[in-house]
Amino acid sequence: MPIVAQSTETADWVSRFADEVIAESERRAPGKPVVVASGLSPSGPIHLGNLREVMTPHLVADEIRRRGYEVRHLISWDDYDRYRKVPNGVPGTDASWAEHIGKPLTSVPAPAGSAYPNWAEHFKAAMIEALGELGVEFDGISQTAQYTSGVYREQILHAMRHRADIDAFLAQYRTKPKAKKPQQKAADAAELEAEEGSGAAAEDDGSSGSAGYFPYKPYCGNCEKDLTTVTAYDDDTTELTYTCTACGFGETVRLSEFNRGKLVWKVDWPMRWAYEGVVFEPSGVDHSSPGSSFQVGGQIVGIFGGEQPIGPMYAFVGISGMAKMSSSKGGVPTPGDALKIMEPQLLRWLYARRRPNQSFKIAFDQEIQRLYDEWDRLDAKVADGSALPADAAAHSRAVRTAAGDLPRTPRPLPYRTLASVADITAGHADQALRILSELDPSHPLASLDEARPRYDRAEAWINTHVPADQRTIVREQPDTELLASLDEASAGSVRLLLDGLAEHWSLDGLTHLVYGVPKVQAGFSADATPKELPPEIKTAQRTFFALLYRLLVGRDTGPRLPTLLLAVGQERVRHLLGAA
């Protein structure tokens, strides 16, 4: 199988694929644009796992464009596929949408309240918006438009003429079908099948008809469903007869004039490879096992005079914090969901830095703060020239495309700091600006816009993904009972902090102060390094921090203390810590 080798070396995987794709394109179609492809089914929310189907060829296509070649990145919208199931948790739908199972996705009503004409367009729109924000340049192809306008007519007739050859290829991989339950209606069987998954990898290959094998499936002229069986076909006249097991309708049509049907998936995909001249297309693990669509398609594509694309199998994309996702999203976060809480550069980087066969997770929980810290460190290394070549390449692919740099935050303050400020200020922009301006008094923030859009993403994360019991609520009045119960050492540590507030009122200064108080109390310099200190100093610091949290927010933990102190404000901190 002509699948690009996936090296374990640390060199940039995108460049290696680009080298091979350019060479392969020149061999197949010298002088013509390089064609890479993705396929997406708008059968429901298009999730972050599906995004890898787009980002892998996008990154390769973008590298090829950077080298001066013309590239077409096709995104085939499989909107003429059957509606297989009603996705869980889609707002504006209910059980009644099950009556549309078996129809083309473009014939299914959009969720109630949608601005779009049908189901497919509703879910395509969200993905198109996200891809625009991510800087993905592509040519979209609606398979509904292709099939219903007769674009593929010659390919369909060709497939029907060569149905015996196609059947022979497919027969090598078929397994015995599972026995149906007795007295099970065809429509019920379709609904049960739909419950098993929404991907095309498990679609039937057209072998169920008793009249022989036919790689073409009509949609019923009465109920619009694909629960049809071809009972006869004449190659000379192209007359095709079918019956519908859902409604009992039947008719005879001329396939040379008929546009209401499509090739079965395992034939449709290789037909399109040949028709579009696709050189590079990745495939998910569900399409890459023996006997699956990609493997079988590599043999069937020759019937249409084409070659199988080169391309890697890509691994799954996981989600951390997925259990906390809103139930209205059905538990499957989309690129749009991710872009509400992270900048496009970070999301691009997550896909660019891992080879396609490496799985990774996208964070919706506290892990997003660590990812942002890692990203900012890489940004600094790239700026000073110390980043490793592969890391610098991934960074470059994240922040810009061949068309130019993606818009970015002018002052990219630490995400965890922005999240803490958004949490403490509860949406008050003027308070947020006050706190952020005090982070670095020598270079104060003039406007909150300087910290946007990163600040908006951090605020959205706090508001939508941090549970209410983990939000920060600053005390209104001092905890007089706790203050009165403090022993001499604890009361002394609070006094030391209060004495140093004015002098250290900046993010760096307060960091030095809160870590330094336990050192000074133990008889060391506030500037002493961890190597110069006994291990018990760390214990003393943790005890001191917990005390401050209890006095300020009424629990043992919270946002980083320097940020919290700035957010609360010097006067209120003094009040809550019992200063006269």
Protein backbone atom coordinates (compact mmCIF):
# COMPACT_ATOMS: atom_id res chain seq x y z
CA MET A 1 0.00 0.00 0.00
CA PRO A 2 1.42 3.44 -0.93
CA ILE A 3 1.23 4.89 2.56
CA VAL A 4 3.84 7.48 3.57
CA ALA A 5 6.28 6.07 6.11
CA GLN A 6 5.91 7.55 9.58
CA SER A 7 9.39 8.14 10.95
CA THR A 8 10.15 8.22 14.65
CA GLU A 9 12.83 10.86 14.13
CA THR A 10 12.47 14.27 15.74
CA ALA A 11 12.59 16.16 12.41
CA ASP A 12 9.51 18.06 11.34
CA TRP A 13 6.96 15.51 10.07
CA VAL A 14 5.19 18.11 7.92
CA SER A 15 8.30 18.81 5.84
CA ARG A 16 8.92 15.11 5.28
CA PHE A 17 5.37 14.58 4.03
CA ALA A 18 5.60 17.69 1.85
CA ASP A 19 8.75 16.32 0.18
CA GLU A 20 7.02 13.05 -0.68
CA VAL A 21 3.76 14.67 -1.81
CA ILE A 22 5.56 17.06 -4.17
CA ALA A 23 7.56 14.19 -5.67
CA GLU A 24 4.45 12.03 -6.03
CA SER A 25 2.43 14.84 -7.60
CA GLU A 26 5.17 15.50 -10.13
CA ARG A 27 5.20 11.81 -11.01
CA ARG A 28 1.43 11.57 -11.43
CA ALA A 29 0.52 14.99 -12.85
CA PRO A 30 3.63 17.03 -13.67
CA GLY A 31 3.06 20.77 -13.79
CA LYS A 32 -0.43 20.60 -12.31
CA PRO A 33 -1.56 21.84 -8.87
CA VAL A 34 -0.90 19.46 -6.00
CA VAL A 35 -4.20 18.02 -4.74
CA VAL A 36 -4.68 17.05 -1.10
CA ALA A 37 -8.03 16.10 0.39
CA SER A 38 -10.12 15.74 3.51
CA GLY A 39 -13.60 14.31 3.95
CA LEU A 40 -16.11 15.44 6.57
CA SER A 41 -19.63 14.22 7.24
CA PRO A 42 -21.95 16.93 8.66
CA SER A 43 -24.09 14.25 10.31
CA GLY A 44 -23.88 16.10 13.63
CA PRO A 45 -21.41 18.33 15.46
CA ILE A 46 -18.03 17.98 13.72
CA HIS A 47 -15.70 17.33 16.65
CA LEU A 48 -12.02 17.84 17.44
CA GLY A 49 -11.15 14.32 16.33
CA ASN A 50 -12.56 15.12 12.89
CA LEU A 51 -10.41 18.26 12.84
CA ARG A 52 -7.32 16.06 12.48
CA GLU A 53 -8.76 14.92 9.14
CA VAL A 54 -8.43 18.56 8.04
CA MET A 55 -5.35 19.78 9.90
CA THR A 56 -3.05 17.00 8.70
CA PRO A 57 -3.44 17.80 4.96
CA HIS A 58 -3.76 21.51 5.71
CA LEU A 59 -0.34 21.65 7.36
CA VAL A 60 1.21 19.68 4.50
CA ALA A 61 -0.56 21.81 1.88
CA ASP A 62 0.55 24.99 3.64
CA GLU A 63 4.18 23.83 3.67
CA ILE A 64 3.95 23.11 -0.07
CA ARG A 65 2.47 26.59 -0.66
CA ARG A 66 5.35 28.12 1.31
CA ARG A 67 7.68 26.50 -1.20
CA GLY A 68 5.91 28.25 -4.07
CA TYR A 69 3.73 25.45 -5.43
CA GLU A 70 0.05 25.74 -6.27
CA VAL A 71 -2.05 23.50 -4.04
CA ARG A 72 -5.74 22.60 -3.84
CA HIS A 73 -6.92 21.38 -0.45
CA LEU A 74 -10.29 19.79 -1.11
CA ILE A 75 -12.75 19.31 1.72
CA SER A 76 -15.40 16.91 0.53
CA TRP A 77 -18.59 17.53 2.48
CA ASP A 78 -20.25 14.13 2.58
CA ASP A 79 -23.65 15.76 2.83
CA TYR A 80 -25.29 13.25 0.48
CA ASP A 81 -24.62 10.44 2.94
CA ARG A 82 -27.57 8.87 4.72
CA TYR A 83 -28.77 10.28 8.02
CA ARG A 84 -27.79 7.44 10.31
CA LYS A 85 -28.87 8.52 13.80
CA VAL A 86 -30.11 11.42 15.89
CA PRO A 87 -27.00 12.65 17.78
CA ASN A 88 -27.34 12.96 21.53
CA GLY A 89 -27.77 16.38 23.07
CA VAL A 90 -28.25 18.48 19.91
CA PRO A 91 -30.39 21.51 20.90
CA GLY A 92 -33.53 21.91 18.81
CA THR A 93 -34.02 18.19 18.14
CA ASP A 94 -36.03 15.41 19.70
CA ALA A 95 -36.93 11.79 19.02
CA SER A 96 -39.07 12.82 16.03
CA TRP A 97 -35.92 13.37 13.96
CA ALA A 98 -35.57 9.58 13.84
CA GLU A 99 -38.24 9.55 11.12
CA HIS A 100 -35.62 11.02 8.77
CA ILE A 101 -33.11 8.17 9.19
CA GLY A 102 -32.13 6.94 5.74
CA LYS A 103 -32.56 10.28 3.96
CA PRO A 104 -29.67 12.34 2.58
CA LEU A 105 -28.32 14.73 5.19
CA THR A 106 -29.36 17.66 3.00
CA SER A 107 -32.99 16.42 3.06
CA VAL A 108 -33.19 16.38 6.87
CA PRO A 109 -34.58 19.50 8.58
CA ALA A 110 -32.10 21.60 10.52
CA PRO A 111 -32.47 21.70 14.30
CA ALA A 112 -35.34 23.95 15.39
CA GLY A 113 -34.36 27.61 15.39
CA SER A 114 -31.44 27.15 12.98
CA ALA A 115 -30.79 29.80 10.35
CA TYR A 116 -29.78 27.11 7.85
CA PRO A 117 -31.97 25.25 5.32
CA ASN A 118 -31.11 21.69 6.34
CA TRP A 119 -29.23 19.46 8.75
CA ALA A 120 -25.99 19.33 6.75
CA GLU A 121 -25.74 23.07 6.21
CA HIS A 122 -26.35 23.70 9.92
CA PHE A 123 -23.34 21.64 10.99
CA LYS A 124 -21.14 22.64 8.05
CA ALA A 125 -21.52 26.31 8.98
CA ALA A 126 -19.97 25.92 12.44
CA MET A 127 -16.99 24.03 11.00
CA ILE A 128 -16.47 26.54 8.19
CA GLU A 129 -16.40 29.38 10.74
CA ALA A 130 -13.84 27.54 12.88
CA LEU A 131 -11.64 26.71 9.88
CA GLY A 132 -11.66 30.38 8.90
CA GLU A 133 -10.45 31.35 12.37
CA LEU A 134 -7.75 28.66 12.16
CA GLY A 135 -6.46 30.01 8.85
CA VAL A 136 -7.33 26.86 6.87
CA GLU A 137 -7.57 27.57 3.13
CA PHE A 138 -9.70 25.00 1.26
CA ASP A 139 -12.05 24.30 -1.63
CA GLY A 140 -15.32 22.87 -0.35
CA ILE A 141 -17.17 20.31 -2.46
CA SER A 142 -20.77 19.37 -1.66
CA GLN A 143 -21.40 15.75 -2.61
CA THR A 144 -25.12 16.52 -2.78
CA ALA A 145 -24.37 19.08 -5.49
CA GLN A 146 -22.02 16.70 -7.30
CA TYR A 147 -24.44 13.77 -7.37
CA THR A 148 -27.72 15.60 -7.97
CA SER A 149 -26.29 17.66 -10.84
CA GLY A 150 -25.01 14.58 -12.66
CA VAL A 151 -21.31 15.43 -12.31
CA TYR A 152 -20.49 11.77 -11.55
CA ARG A 153 -22.82 10.23 -14.13
CA GLU A 154 -20.07 8.65 -16.23
CA GLN A 155 -18.32 7.34 -13.13
CA ILE A 156 -21.57 5.76 -11.90
CA LEU A 157 -22.26 4.09 -15.23
CA HIS A 158 -18.65 2.91 -15.36
CA ALA A 159 -18.95 1.40 -11.87
CA MET A 160 -22.15 -0.42 -12.86
CA ARG A 161 -20.50 -1.83 -15.99
CA HIS A 162 -17.60 -3.09 -13.86
CA ARG A 163 -19.68 -4.21 -10.90
CA ALA A 164 -18.42 -7.79 -11.17
CA ASP A 165 -14.81 -6.59 -10.86
CA ILE A 166 -15.70 -4.40 -7.88
CA ASP A 167 -17.60 -7.25 -6.28
CA ALA A 168 -14.56 -9.52 -6.67
CA PHE A 169 -12.35 -7.05 -4.81
CA LEU A 170 -14.89 -6.61 -2.02
CA ALA A 171 -15.49 -10.36 -1.72
CA GLN A 172 -11.91 -10.84 -0.54
CA TYR A 173 -12.72 -9.00 2.68
CA ARG A 174 -16.34 -9.73 3.41
CA THR A 175 -17.31 -11.58 6.56
CA LYS A 176 -20.55 -13.40 7.15
CA PRO A 177 -23.35 -10.98 8.04
CA LYS A 178 -24.83 -11.17 11.50
CA ALA A 179 -28.16 -12.97 11.68
CA LYS A 180 -31.07 -10.59 11.96
CA LYS A 181 -33.52 -10.88 14.76
CA PRO A 182 -36.71 -12.64 13.69
CA GLN A 183 -39.59 -10.48 12.46
CA GLN A 184 -37.37 -7.38 12.48
CA LYS A 185 -38.56 -4.70 10.09
CA ALA A 186 -36.09 -3.17 7.65
CA ALA A 187 -36.60 0.31 9.04
CA ASP A 188 -35.88 -0.95 12.55
CA ALA A 189 -32.70 -2.61 11.32
CA ALA A 190 -31.57 0.68 9.83
CA GLU A 191 -32.20 2.47 13.10
CA LEU A 192 -30.26 -0.19 15.02
CA GLU A 193 -27.40 0.15 12.59
CA ALA A 194 -27.48 3.91 13.05
CA GLU A 195 -27.06 3.49 16.78
CA GLU A 196 -23.75 1.71 16.23
CA GLY A 197 -21.99 4.79 14.91
CA SER A 198 -22.16 7.69 12.52
CA GLY A 199 -19.03 7.05 10.43
CA ALA A 200 -19.00 5.83 6.86
CA ALA A 201 -16.40 3.15 7.56
CA ALA A 202 -19.09 0.64 8.49
CA GLU A 203 -21.45 1.37 5.54
CA ASP A 204 -22.58 -1.63 3.51
CA ASP A 205 -20.83 -2.21 0.21
CA GLY A 206 -23.91 -2.87 -1.91
CA SER A 207 -23.84 -6.66 -1.62
CA SER A 208 -27.24 -7.23 0.01
CA GLY A 209 -29.44 -7.54 -3.07
CA SER A 210 -30.62 -10.97 -4.17
CA ALA A 211 -30.49 -9.92 -7.84
CA GLY A 212 -26.71 -9.57 -7.70
CA TYR A 213 -24.16 -6.99 -6.69
CA PHE A 214 -24.81 -3.31 -7.45
CA PRO A 215 -22.43 -0.56 -6.25
CA TYR A 216 -25.17 2.08 -6.55
CA LYS A 217 -27.88 2.95 -4.03
CA PRO A 218 -30.95 4.98 -5.11
CA TYR A 219 -32.78 7.22 -2.71
CA CYS A 220 -36.50 6.40 -2.82
CA GLY A 221 -38.62 8.63 -5.04
CA ASN A 222 -41.42 8.55 -2.48
CA CYS A 223 -39.95 8.63 1.06
CA GLU A 224 -36.41 9.83 0.08
CA LYS A 225 -34.76 7.08 2.14
CA ASP A 226 -31.99 4.76 0.98
CA LEU A 227 -33.75 1.63 2.27
CA THR A 228 -33.94 0.48 -1.32
CA THR A 229 -32.99 -2.70 -3.14
CA VAL A 230 -31.95 -2.75 -6.78
CA THR A 231 -33.80 -5.66 -8.40
CA ALA A 232 -32.67 -5.30 -12.03
CA TYR A 233 -30.26 -3.36 -14.21
CA ASP A 234 -29.65 -3.35 -17.97
CA ASP A 235 -26.21 -2.19 -19.10
CA ASP A 236 -27.34 -1.30 -22.62
CA THR A 237 -30.35 0.84 -21.77
CA THR A 238 -29.15 1.76 -18.24
CA GLU A 239 -32.63 0.93 -16.98
CA LEU A 240 -32.55 0.30 -13.23
CA THR A 241 -35.43 -1.06 -11.17
CA TYR A 242 -35.58 -0.74 -7.41
CA THR A 243 -38.05 -1.18 -4.58
CA CYS A 244 -38.14 0.54 -1.20
CA THR A 245 -38.48 -1.65 1.86
CA ALA A 246 -39.49 1.33 4.00
CA CYS A 247 -42.60 2.46 2.09
CA GLY A 248 -43.10 -0.19 -0.61
CA PHE A 249 -42.55 2.22 -3.48
CA GLY A 250 -40.81 0.98 -6.62
CA GLU A 251 -39.93 2.33 -10.05
CA THR A 252 -37.78 1.82 -13.13
CA VAL A 253 -35.47 4.68 -14.15
CA ARG A 254 -32.73 5.30 -16.68
CA LEU A 255 -29.48 5.67 -14.74
CA SER A 256 -28.09 7.76 -17.62
CA GLU A 257 -30.65 10.42 -16.65
CA PHE A 258 -31.24 9.67 -12.93
CA ASN A 259 -29.53 11.79 -10.26
CA ARG A 260 -31.15 10.67 -7.01
CA GLY A 261 -28.70 8.18 -5.59
CA LYS A 262 -25.02 7.58 -4.96
CA LEU A 263 -22.28 4.99 -5.13
CA VAL A 264 -21.82 2.97 -1.94
CA TRP A 265 -19.07 4.34 0.27
CA LYS A 266 -16.32 1.80 -0.52
CA VAL A 267 -16.74 2.62 -4.20
CA ASP A 268 -17.57 6.29 -3.86
CA TRP A 269 -14.32 7.19 -2.08
CA PRO A 270 -11.88 5.66 -4.64
CA MET A 271 -14.02 7.05 -7.47
CA ARG A 272 -13.44 10.54 -6.07
CA TRP A 273 -9.71 9.93 -5.67
CA ALA A 274 -9.53 9.26 -9.39
CA TYR A 275 -11.95 12.04 -10.40
CA GLU A 276 -10.15 14.75 -8.38
CA GLY A 277 -6.61 13.43 -8.84
CA VAL A 278 -5.99 13.32 -5.08
CA VAL A 279 -2.33 12.77 -4.20
CA PHE A 280 -2.46 13.04 -0.39
CA GLU A 281 -5.27 12.17 2.01
CA PRO A 282 -4.94 10.86 5.57
CA SER A 283 -7.35 8.34 7.04
CA GLY A 284 -8.50 7.50 10.53
CA VAL A 285 -7.86 4.16 12.17
CA ASP A 286 -11.44 3.09 11.41
CA HIS A 287 -10.68 3.37 7.68
CA SER A 288 -7.26 1.73 7.81
CA SER A 289 -7.74 -1.77 9.17
CA PRO A 290 -7.62 -4.76 6.78
CA GLY A 291 -10.72 -4.80 4.61
CA SER A 292 -11.69 -1.23 5.47
CA SER A 293 -12.49 1.59 3.09
CA PHE A 294 -8.96 2.91 2.56
CA GLN A 295 -7.44 -0.52 2.03
CA VAL A 296 -10.12 -1.81 -0.34
CA GLY A 297 -10.28 1.56 -2.09
CA GLY A 298 -6.62 1.17 -3.02
CA GLN A 299 -7.65 -1.74 -5.26
CA ILE A 300 -10.95 -0.34 -6.56
CA VAL A 301 -9.43 3.02 -7.57
CA GLY A 302 -7.69 1.33 -10.50
CA ILE A 303 -11.08 0.54 -12.04
CA PHE A 304 -11.57 4.30 -12.39
CA GLY A 305 -8.11 4.84 -13.84
CA GLY A 306 -6.65 6.41 -10.72
CA GLU A 307 -4.17 5.71 -7.93
CA GLN A 308 -4.64 5.56 -4.20
CA PRO A 309 -3.44 8.72 -2.42
CA ILE A 310 -0.43 8.54 -0.17
CA GLY A 311 -1.11 9.55 3.40
CA PRO A 312 -0.78 8.52 7.02
CA MET A 313 -3.20 6.85 9.33
CA TYR A 314 -3.96 9.33 12.08
CA ALA A 315 -4.57 8.52 15.74
CA PHE A 316 -7.44 9.62 17.92
CA VAL A 317 -7.62 13.00 19.63
CA GLY A 318 -8.69 12.82 23.27
CA ILE A 319 -10.19 15.42 25.55
CA SER A 320 -9.15 16.15 29.12
CA GLY A 321 -11.98 17.51 31.22
CA MET A 322 -14.56 16.15 28.79
CA ALA A 323 -16.84 15.05 31.63
CA LYS A 324 -17.25 18.70 32.53
CA MET A 325 -18.49 19.63 29.06
CA SER A 326 -22.01 20.99 28.92
CA SER A 327 -24.56 18.24 28.32
CA SER A 328 -26.10 20.41 25.62
CA LYS A 329 -23.04 19.66 23.49
CA GLY A 330 -23.67 15.94 23.66
CA GLY A 331 -20.27 15.43 25.30
CA VAL A 332 -18.38 15.89 22.02
CA PRO A 333 -16.49 19.20 21.92
CA THR A 334 -16.04 20.85 18.53
CA PRO A 335 -13.34 23.14 17.13
CA GLY A 336 -15.70 26.02 17.85
CA ASP A 337 -15.87 24.95 21.50
CA ALA A 338 -12.08 24.87 21.71
CA LEU A 339 -11.71 28.27 20.05
CA LYS A 340 -13.94 29.83 22.70
CA ILE A 341 -11.31 29.08 25.35
CA MET A 342 -8.02 29.09 23.41
CA GLU A 343 -6.45 31.12 20.65
CA PRO A 344 -6.15 29.60 17.16
CA GLN A 345 -2.36 29.46 17.48
CA LEU A 346 -2.52 27.11 20.47
CA LEU A 347 -5.03 24.80 18.78
CA ARG A 348 -2.96 24.69 15.57
CA TRP A 349 0.15 23.93 17.62
CA LEU A 350 -1.47 20.93 19.29
CA TYR A 351 -2.01 19.34 15.86
CA ALA A 352 1.30 20.49 14.37
CA ARG A 353 3.65 19.29 17.10
CA ARG A 354 2.54 15.63 17.09
CA ARG A 355 3.00 13.24 14.20
CA PRO A 356 -0.36 12.04 12.82
CA ASN A 357 0.10 8.55 14.30
CA GLN A 358 0.57 10.01 17.79
CA SER A 359 -2.51 10.53 19.91
CA PHE A 360 -2.83 13.61 22.10
CA LYS A 361 -5.36 15.38 24.29
CA ILE A 362 -6.95 18.80 24.08
CA ALA A 363 -7.56 20.34 27.49
CA PHE A 364 -10.83 21.80 28.68
CA ASP A 365 -9.87 21.47 32.35
CA GLN A 366 -7.06 22.96 34.48
CA GLU A 367 -4.55 21.36 32.09
CA ILE A 368 -5.17 24.21 29.64
CA GLN A 369 -3.18 26.49 31.95
CA ARG A 370 -0.16 24.17 31.78
CA LEU A 371 -0.46 23.95 27.99
CA TYR A 372 -0.46 27.72 27.74
CA ASP A 373 2.59 27.93 30.02
CA GLU A 374 4.36 25.45 27.71
CA TRP A 375 3.32 27.44 24.65
CA ASP A 376 4.58 30.71 26.12
CA ARG A 377 7.93 29.13 27.00
CA LEU A 378 8.24 27.92 23.40
CA ASP A 379 7.30 31.39 22.15
CA ALA A 380 10.13 32.87 24.24
CA LYS A 381 12.63 30.26 23.00
CA VAL A 382 11.72 30.97 19.38
CA ALA A 383 12.16 34.69 20.03
CA ASP A 384 15.65 34.25 21.48
CA GLY A 385 16.71 31.57 19.01
CA SER A 386 17.11 28.73 21.51
CA ALA A 387 14.21 26.52 20.31
CA LEU A 388 15.02 23.13 18.80
CA PRO A 389 14.45 22.99 15.00
CA ALA A 390 11.38 20.72 15.16
CA ASP A 391 9.86 22.83 17.93
CA ALA A 392 10.53 26.03 16.00
CA ALA A 393 8.90 24.49 12.90
CA ALA A 394 5.77 23.53 14.85
CA HIS A 395 5.65 27.05 16.30
CA SER A 396 5.94 28.59 12.83
CA ARG A 397 3.09 26.41 11.54
CA ALA A 398 0.97 27.47 14.51
CA VAL A 399 1.39 31.23 14.23
CA ARG A 400 1.29 31.70 10.47
CA THR A 401 0.29 30.19 7.14
CA ALA A 402 1.65 30.79 3.66
CA ALA A 403 -0.82 33.69 3.47
CA GLY A 404 0.67 35.44 6.52
CA ASP A 405 0.56 35.65 10.31
CA LEU A 406 -2.62 34.82 12.18
CA PRO A 407 -3.96 37.68 14.34
CA ARG A 408 -2.47 37.46 17.81
CA THR A 409 -2.78 39.05 21.27
CA PRO A 410 -0.55 42.17 21.46
CA ARG A 411 0.37 41.57 25.13
CA PRO A 412 0.15 37.79 25.71
CA LEU A 413 0.01 37.77 29.50
CA PRO A 414 0.07 34.35 31.22
CA TYR A 415 -3.22 32.52 30.66
CA ARG A 416 -3.43 31.35 34.27
CA THR A 417 -3.04 34.96 35.45
CA LEU A 418 -5.76 36.14 33.08
CA ALA A 419 -8.04 33.31 34.19
CA SER A 420 -7.49 34.21 37.86
CA VAL A 421 -8.24 37.87 37.19
CA ALA A 422 -11.38 37.01 35.21
CA ASP A 423 -12.45 34.70 38.03
CA ILE A 424 -11.92 37.22 40.82
CA THR A 425 -13.42 40.22 39.00
CA ALA A 426 -16.48 38.28 37.77
CA GLY A 427 -16.70 40.13 34.46
CA HIS A 428 -15.91 43.68 35.64
CA ALA A 429 -13.63 44.93 32.85
CA ASP A 430 -12.52 48.07 34.73
CA GLN A 431 -11.38 45.99 37.71
CA ALA A 432 -9.63 43.53 35.39
CA LEU A 433 -7.75 46.39 33.71
CA ARG A 434 -6.72 47.80 37.12
CA ILE A 435 -5.25 44.49 38.22
CA LEU A 436 -3.53 43.71 34.94
CA SER A 437 -2.04 47.21 34.83
CA GLU A 438 -0.39 46.54 38.21
CA LEU A 439 1.29 43.32 37.05
CA ASP A 440 4.20 45.31 35.65
CA PRO A 441 4.15 48.93 36.88
CA SER A 442 7.03 49.82 34.55
CA HIS A 443 4.98 48.79 31.53
CA PRO A 444 1.32 49.11 32.53
CA LEU A 445 -1.49 47.85 30.33
CA ALA A 446 -3.18 50.86 28.72
CA SER A 447 -6.30 49.01 27.56
CA LEU A 448 -7.82 45.58 28.06
CA ASP A 449 -7.74 45.24 24.27
CA GLU A 450 -3.97 44.77 24.52
CA ALA A 451 -4.62 41.49 26.37
CA ARG A 452 -7.30 40.34 23.94
CA PRO A 453 -8.31 37.92 22.55
CA ARG A 454 -6.38 35.82 25.10
CA TYR A 455 -8.14 37.51 28.02
CA ASP A 456 -11.56 36.77 26.48
CA ARG A 457 -10.61 33.11 26.01
CA ALA A 458 -9.47 32.82 29.64
CA GLU A 459 -12.66 34.50 30.85
CA ALA A 460 -14.76 32.11 28.75
CA TRP A 461 -12.89 29.14 30.22
CA ILE A 462 -13.53 30.34 33.77
CA ASN A 463 -17.22 30.93 33.07
CA THR A 464 -17.93 27.68 31.23
CA HIS A 465 -15.48 25.02 32.42
CA VAL A 466 -14.64 25.77 36.05
CA PRO A 467 -17.24 24.34 38.46
CA ALA A 468 -19.00 26.82 40.72
CA ASP A 469 -17.46 25.31 43.86
CA GLN A 470 -13.99 26.05 42.45
CA ARG A 471 -14.67 29.70 41.62
CA THR A 472 -13.01 32.36 43.78
CA ILE A 473 -15.18 34.52 46.03
CA VAL A 474 -13.25 37.05 48.10
CA ARG A 475 -14.49 37.54 51.66
CA GLU A 476 -16.53 40.66 52.38
CA GLN A 477 -15.37 40.96 56.00
CA PRO A 478 -12.31 39.73 57.96
CA ASP A 479 -12.48 36.31 59.59
CA THR A 480 -12.12 37.79 63.08
CA GLU A 481 -12.40 34.40 64.77
CA LEU A 482 -9.50 32.98 62.75
CA LEU A 483 -7.41 36.13 63.21
CA ALA A 484 -7.94 36.00 66.99
CA SER A 485 -6.89 32.36 67.14
CA LEU A 486 -3.52 32.81 65.40
CA ASP A 487 -0.43 31.85 67.36
CA GLU A 488 2.49 34.25 67.61
CA ALA A 489 4.35 32.79 64.58
CA SER A 490 1.31 32.90 62.31
CA ALA A 491 0.37 36.42 63.39
CA GLY A 492 3.99 37.46 62.81
CA SER A 493 3.96 36.10 59.25
CA VAL A 494 0.82 38.12 58.47
CA ARG A 495 2.47 41.28 59.88
CA LEU A 496 5.57 40.72 57.74
CA LEU A 497 3.39 40.45 54.64
CA LEU A 498 1.46 43.61 55.52
CA ASP A 499 4.69 45.53 56.17
CA GLY A 500 5.99 44.67 52.69
CA LEU A 501 2.84 45.19 50.61
CA ALA A 502 3.42 48.79 49.52
CA GLU A 503 7.06 48.23 48.57
CA HIS A 504 6.36 45.01 46.65
CA TRP A 505 3.07 45.90 44.92
CA SER A 506 3.65 44.24 41.52
CA LEU A 507 3.37 40.66 40.31
CA ASP A 508 7.10 39.97 40.64
CA GLY A 509 7.36 41.92 43.88
CA LEU A 510 4.48 40.10 45.56
CA THR A 511 5.84 36.77 44.37
CA HIS A 512 9.14 37.59 46.08
CA LEU A 513 7.29 38.75 49.20
CA VAL A 514 4.92 35.79 49.77
CA TYR A 515 7.69 33.24 49.22
CA GLY A 516 10.12 35.30 51.30
CA VAL A 517 8.06 35.72 54.49
CA PRO A 518 8.58 32.09 55.73
CA LYS A 519 12.30 32.36 54.88
CA VAL A 520 12.72 35.55 56.93
CA GLN A 521 10.76 34.08 59.83
CA ALA A 522 13.15 31.12 59.87
CA GLY A 523 16.17 33.43 59.98
CA PHE A 524 17.16 33.32 56.30
CA SER A 525 17.35 36.01 53.67
CA ALA A 526 14.24 36.51 51.54
CA ASP A 527 16.57 36.05 48.52
CA ALA A 528 17.86 32.64 49.65
CA THR A 529 17.60 29.98 46.96
CA PRO A 530 16.03 26.51 47.55
CA LYS A 531 19.55 24.98 47.65
CA GLU A 532 20.43 27.24 50.57
CA LEU A 533 17.33 26.33 52.59
CA PRO A 534 16.33 23.31 54.68
CA PRO A 535 13.41 21.18 53.39
CA GLU A 536 11.07 22.38 56.16
CA ILE A 537 10.92 25.84 54.57
CA LYS A 538 8.70 24.41 51.82
CA THR A 539 6.34 23.09 54.47
CA ALA A 540 6.30 26.48 56.18
CA GLN A 541 5.52 28.19 52.84
CA ARG A 542 2.58 25.85 52.16
CA THR A 543 1.22 26.49 55.67
CA PHE A 544 1.54 30.26 55.20
CA PHE A 545 -0.16 30.14 51.80
CA ALA A 546 -3.07 28.12 53.17
CA LEU A 547 -3.52 30.67 55.98
CA LEU A 548 -3.65 33.56 53.51
CA TYR A 549 -6.19 31.73 51.34
CA ARG A 550 -8.43 31.10 54.37
CA LEU A 551 -8.23 34.75 55.38
CA LEU A 552 -8.89 36.06 51.87
CA VAL A 553 -11.26 33.53 50.21
CA GLY A 554 -12.32 31.19 53.01
CA ARG A 555 -10.69 28.00 51.72
CA ASP A 556 -7.25 26.40 51.61
CA THR A 557 -6.49 26.94 47.93
CA GLY A 558 -7.17 29.44 45.17
CA PRO A 559 -5.51 31.40 42.36
CA ARG A 560 -1.80 32.13 42.64
CA LEU A 561 -1.39 34.37 45.69
CA PRO A 562 0.44 37.27 43.98
CA THR A 563 -2.36 37.51 41.41
CA LEU A 564 -5.01 37.16 44.11
CA LEU A 565 -3.45 39.94 46.20
CA LEU A 566 -3.32 42.28 43.20
CA ALA A 567 -6.91 41.42 42.36
CA VAL A 568 -8.20 42.06 45.85
CA GLY A 569 -6.39 45.40 46.04
CA GLN A 570 -3.98 46.69 48.69
CA GLU A 571 -6.57 48.44 50.88
CA ARG A 572 -8.93 45.44 50.96
CA VAL A 573 -6.06 43.01 51.60
CA ARG A 574 -5.06 45.05 54.66
CA HIS A 575 -8.67 45.04 55.86
CA LEU A 576 -9.09 41.26 55.47
CA LEU A 577 -5.73 40.52 57.11
CA GLY A 578 -6.72 42.50 60.20
CA ALA A 579 -4.62 45.64 59.75
CA ALA A 580 -5.84 48.53 61.88
